[in-house]
Amino acid sequence: MQLRTSAMETKADDVEVAIRALVPRSEAQRELRSLALTLMQDWRANRSLLLLQEHSSVSTPLLVVVVAWFALIFLGFGCLPLATEP
């Protein structure tokens, strides 16, 4: 996965270098070049977020333990008023 990510990053760098190398001859081309650079930056940001979200930050065993702990606490408090009624 890391090799593939590195290859994709290199291709993205090549595209950005090619966009920066363009010499606009009119205002419309200048705006389009600016838009292309903005889209590349947005693409990089979105790609980074997707790579970060690929792996869960909370482990499954920890999640199971915490949910079971909360369930036992609420079950205990739910039964407590029934035991103290006259």
N, C-alpha and C. Protein backbone atom coordinates (compact mmCIF):
# COMPACT_ATOMS: atom_id res chain seq x y z
N MET A 1 0.82 -1.20 0.00
CA MET A 1 0.00 0.00 0.00
C MET A 1 0.86 1.26 0.00
N GLN A 2 1.97 1.22 0.74
CA GLN A 2 2.84 2.39 0.82
C GLN A 2 3.50 2.67 -0.53
N LEU A 3 3.89 1.62 -1.25
CA LEU A 3 4.51 1.79 -2.56
C LEU A 3 3.52 2.42 -3.53
N ARG A 4 2.29 1.95 -3.50
CA ARG A 4 1.25 2.48 -4.37
C ARG A 4 0.97 3.95 -4.03
N THR A 5 0.93 4.26 -2.75
CA THR A 5 0.70 5.63 -2.31
C THR A 5 1.84 6.53 -2.80
N SER A 6 3.06 6.05 -2.70
CA SER A 6 4.21 6.83 -3.14
C SER A 6 4.16 7.08 -4.64
N ALA A 7 3.77 6.06 -5.41
CA ALA A 7 3.69 6.21 -6.86
C ALA A 7 2.59 7.21 -7.23
N MET A 8 1.47 7.16 -6.53
CA MET A 8 0.38 8.10 -6.80
C MET A 8 0.80 9.52 -6.44
N GLU A 9 1.55 9.65 -5.36
CA GLU A 9 2.02 10.97 -4.94
C GLU A 9 2.98 11.54 -5.98
N THR A 10 3.83 10.70 -6.53
CA THR A 10 4.77 11.14 -7.56
C THR A 10 4.03 11.61 -8.80
N LYS A 11 2.99 10.87 -9.19
CA LYS A 11 2.19 11.28 -10.35
C LYS A 11 1.49 12.61 -10.09
N ALA A 12 0.98 12.78 -8.88
CA ALA A 12 0.32 14.04 -8.54
C ALA A 12 1.31 15.19 -8.58
N ASP A 13 2.53 14.94 -8.12
CA ASP A 13 3.58 15.97 -8.19
C ASP A 13 3.88 16.33 -9.64
N ASP A 14 3.95 15.31 -10.50
CA ASP A 14 4.22 15.55 -11.91
C ASP A 14 3.12 16.40 -12.55
N VAL A 15 1.88 16.11 -12.21
CA VAL A 15 0.76 16.87 -12.76
C VAL A 15 0.82 18.32 -12.28
N GLU A 16 1.12 18.51 -11.01
CA GLU A 16 1.19 19.87 -10.48
C GLU A 16 2.34 20.65 -11.12
N VAL A 17 3.47 20.00 -11.32
CA VAL A 17 4.60 20.66 -11.98
C VAL A 17 4.22 21.04 -13.41
N ALA A 18 3.51 20.15 -14.09
CA ALA A 18 3.08 20.45 -15.46
C ALA A 18 2.10 21.62 -15.50
N ILE A 19 1.21 21.69 -14.54
CA ILE A 19 0.25 22.81 -14.48
C ILE A 19 1.00 24.11 -14.21
N ARG A 20 1.95 24.07 -13.28
CA ARG A 20 2.71 25.28 -12.97
C ARG A 20 3.58 25.72 -14.15
N ALA A 21 3.97 24.79 -15.00
CA ALA A 21 4.82 25.12 -16.15
C ALA A 21 4.03 25.79 -17.28
N LEU A 22 2.72 25.69 -17.23
CA LEU A 22 1.90 26.32 -18.27
C LEU A 22 2.05 27.84 -18.20
N VAL A 23 2.16 28.46 -19.37
CA VAL A 23 2.26 29.91 -19.43
C VAL A 23 0.96 30.45 -20.03
N PRO A 24 0.14 31.07 -19.20
CA PRO A 24 -1.13 31.58 -19.70
C PRO A 24 -0.92 32.78 -20.63
N ARG A 25 -1.71 32.82 -21.71
CA ARG A 25 -1.61 33.92 -22.67
C ARG A 25 -2.78 34.88 -22.60
N SER A 26 -3.79 34.48 -21.83
CA SER A 26 -4.96 35.36 -21.69
C SER A 26 -5.46 35.27 -20.25
N GLU A 27 -6.40 36.14 -19.95
CA GLU A 27 -6.97 36.16 -18.60
C GLU A 27 -7.73 34.86 -18.33
N ALA A 28 -8.44 34.35 -19.33
CA ALA A 28 -9.20 33.10 -19.16
C ALA A 28 -8.25 31.94 -18.85
N GLN A 29 -7.14 31.87 -19.56
CA GLN A 29 -6.16 30.80 -19.31
C GLN A 29 -5.54 30.96 -17.93
N ARG A 30 -5.32 32.18 -17.50
CA ARG A 30 -4.77 32.44 -16.17
C ARG A 30 -5.75 31.94 -15.10
N GLU A 31 -7.02 32.21 -15.30
CA GLU A 31 -8.03 31.75 -14.35
C GLU A 31 -8.14 30.23 -14.34
N LEU A 32 -8.07 29.63 -15.52
CA LEU A 32 -8.15 28.17 -15.60
C LEU A 32 -6.94 27.51 -14.94
N ARG A 33 -5.77 28.10 -15.12
CA ARG A 33 -4.56 27.58 -14.47
C ARG A 33 -4.70 27.68 -12.96
N SER A 34 -5.20 28.80 -12.49
CA SER A 34 -5.42 28.98 -11.05
C SER A 34 -6.43 27.97 -10.52
N LEU A 35 -7.49 27.76 -11.28
CA LEU A 35 -8.51 26.78 -10.89
C LEU A 35 -7.92 25.38 -10.84
N ALA A 36 -7.10 25.03 -11.81
CA ALA A 36 -6.48 23.69 -11.84
C ALA A 36 -5.56 23.49 -10.63
N LEU A 37 -4.81 24.52 -10.26
CA LEU A 37 -3.94 24.41 -9.08
C LEU A 37 -4.77 24.28 -7.80
N THR A 38 -5.87 25.02 -7.73
CA THR A 38 -6.76 24.90 -6.57
C THR A 38 -7.36 23.50 -6.48
N LEU A 39 -7.77 22.95 -7.62
CA LEU A 39 -8.33 21.60 -7.63
C LEU A 39 -7.28 20.57 -7.20
N MET A 40 -6.04 20.75 -7.62
CA MET A 40 -4.97 19.84 -7.20
C MET A 40 -4.77 19.90 -5.68
N GLN A 41 -4.81 21.10 -5.12
CA GLN A 41 -4.66 21.24 -3.67
C GLN A 41 -5.83 20.59 -2.94
N ASP A 42 -7.04 20.79 -3.46
CA ASP A 42 -8.21 20.16 -2.85
C ASP A 42 -8.13 18.64 -2.95
N TRP A 43 -7.67 18.15 -4.10
CA TRP A 43 -7.53 16.71 -4.29
C TRP A 43 -6.54 16.13 -3.29
N ARG A 44 -5.42 16.82 -3.10
CA ARG A 44 -4.41 16.35 -2.14
C ARG A 44 -4.98 16.33 -0.73
N ALA A 45 -5.72 17.35 -0.35
CA ALA A 45 -6.31 17.41 0.99
C ALA A 45 -7.32 16.28 1.18
N ASN A 46 -8.18 16.06 0.21
CA ASN A 46 -9.18 14.99 0.31
C ASN A 46 -8.52 13.62 0.36
N ARG A 47 -7.47 13.45 -0.44
CA ARG A 47 -6.75 12.18 -0.46
C ARG A 47 -6.10 11.91 0.89
N SER A 48 -5.53 12.94 1.48
CA SER A 48 -4.91 12.79 2.81
C SER A 48 -5.95 12.40 3.85
N LEU A 49 -7.11 13.03 3.80
CA LEU A 49 -8.17 12.69 4.75
C LEU A 49 -8.64 11.25 4.56
N LEU A 50 -8.78 10.82 3.32
CA LEU A 50 -9.20 9.44 3.07
C LEU A 50 -8.16 8.44 3.59
N LEU A 51 -6.89 8.74 3.40
CA LEU A 51 -5.85 7.84 3.89
C LEU A 51 -5.85 7.80 5.42
N LEU A 52 -6.10 8.93 6.06
CA LEU A 52 -6.15 8.94 7.52
C LEU A 52 -7.37 8.20 8.06
N GLN A 53 -8.48 8.28 7.34
CA GLN A 53 -9.71 7.63 7.80
C GLN A 53 -9.76 6.16 7.43
N GLU A 54 -8.77 5.68 6.68
CA GLU A 54 -8.76 4.29 6.24
C GLU A 54 -8.66 3.34 7.44
N HIS A 55 -7.90 3.73 8.44
CA HIS A 55 -7.71 2.91 9.62
C HIS A 55 -8.47 3.52 10.79
N SER A 56 -9.19 2.66 11.50
CA SER A 56 -9.96 3.13 12.65
C SER A 56 -9.02 3.50 13.78
N SER A 57 -9.33 4.59 14.47
CA SER A 57 -8.47 5.02 15.57
C SER A 57 -8.81 4.31 16.88
N VAL A 58 -9.96 3.64 16.93
CA VAL A 58 -10.37 2.92 18.14
C VAL A 58 -10.35 1.43 17.84
N SER A 59 -9.65 0.67 18.65
CA SER A 59 -9.57 -0.76 18.42
C SER A 59 -10.90 -1.44 18.78
N THR A 60 -11.20 -2.52 18.11
CA THR A 60 -12.46 -3.23 18.33
C THR A 60 -12.56 -3.80 19.75
N PRO A 61 -11.51 -4.44 20.29
CA PRO A 61 -11.64 -4.94 21.67
C PRO A 61 -11.92 -3.84 22.69
N LEU A 62 -11.28 -2.69 22.52
CA LEU A 62 -11.54 -1.58 23.44
C LEU A 62 -12.99 -1.12 23.33
N LEU A 63 -13.51 -1.03 22.13
CA LEU A 63 -14.89 -0.63 21.92
C LEU A 63 -15.85 -1.62 22.58
N VAL A 64 -15.58 -2.91 22.45
CA VAL A 64 -16.43 -3.93 23.07
C VAL A 64 -16.41 -3.80 24.59
N VAL A 65 -15.25 -3.60 25.16
CA VAL A 65 -15.13 -3.47 26.62
C VAL A 65 -15.88 -2.24 27.12
N VAL A 66 -15.73 -1.12 26.45
CA VAL A 66 -16.39 0.11 26.88
C VAL A 66 -17.91 -0.02 26.77
N VAL A 67 -18.41 -0.60 25.68
CA VAL A 67 -19.86 -0.77 25.52
C VAL A 67 -20.40 -1.73 26.58
N ALA A 68 -19.68 -2.82 26.86
CA ALA A 68 -20.13 -3.75 27.90
C ALA A 68 -20.12 -3.09 29.27
N TRP A 69 -19.11 -2.28 29.54
CA TRP A 69 -19.01 -1.57 30.81
C TRP A 69 -20.19 -0.61 30.99
N PHE A 70 -20.50 0.17 29.95
CA PHE A 70 -21.65 1.07 30.03
C PHE A 70 -22.95 0.30 30.20
N ALA A 71 -23.09 -0.82 29.51
CA ALA A 71 -24.31 -1.62 29.64
C ALA A 71 -24.47 -2.12 31.07
N LEU A 72 -23.40 -2.58 31.68
CA LEU A 72 -23.48 -3.06 33.06
C LEU A 72 -23.80 -1.93 34.03
N ILE A 73 -23.23 -0.76 33.80
CA ILE A 73 -23.52 0.38 34.67
C ILE A 73 -25.00 0.76 34.58
N PHE A 74 -25.52 0.88 33.36
CA PHE A 74 -26.94 1.26 33.21
C PHE A 74 -27.86 0.15 33.70
N LEU A 75 -27.49 -1.09 33.53
CA LEU A 75 -28.29 -2.19 34.05
C LEU A 75 -28.29 -2.15 35.58
N GLY A 76 -27.14 -1.87 36.16
CA GLY A 76 -27.06 -1.78 37.63
C GLY A 76 -27.90 -0.64 38.17
N PHE A 77 -27.83 0.51 37.56
CA PHE A 77 -28.65 1.63 38.01
C PHE A 77 -30.13 1.40 37.73
N GLY A 78 -30.44 0.65 36.71
CA GLY A 78 -31.83 0.34 36.41
C GLY A 78 -32.45 -0.60 37.43
N CYS A 79 -31.67 -1.51 37.96
CA CYS A 79 -32.16 -2.47 38.95
C CYS A 79 -32.14 -1.91 40.37
N LEU A 80 -31.33 -0.89 40.62
CA LEU A 80 -31.19 -0.34 41.96
C LEU A 80 -32.51 0.21 42.52
N PRO A 81 -33.29 1.00 41.78
CA PRO A 81 -34.56 1.49 42.36
C PRO A 81 -35.56 0.36 42.64
N LEU A 82 -35.54 -0.72 41.89
CA LEU A 82 -36.46 -1.82 42.13
C LEU A 82 -36.13 -2.51 43.45
N ALA A 83 -34.87 -2.60 43.79
CA ALA A 83 -34.47 -3.28 45.03
C ALA A 83 -34.76 -2.43 46.26
N THR A 84 -34.82 -1.13 46.16
CA THR A 84 -35.03 -0.27 47.33
C THR A 84 -36.49 0.10 47.55
N GLU A 85 -37.39 -0.29 46.67
CA GLU A 85 -38.82 0.03 46.87
C GLU A 85 -39.38 -0.83 48.01
N PRO A 86 -40.29 -0.24 48.81
CA PRO A 86 -40.88 -1.01 49.93
C PRO A 86 -41.85 -2.08 49.50
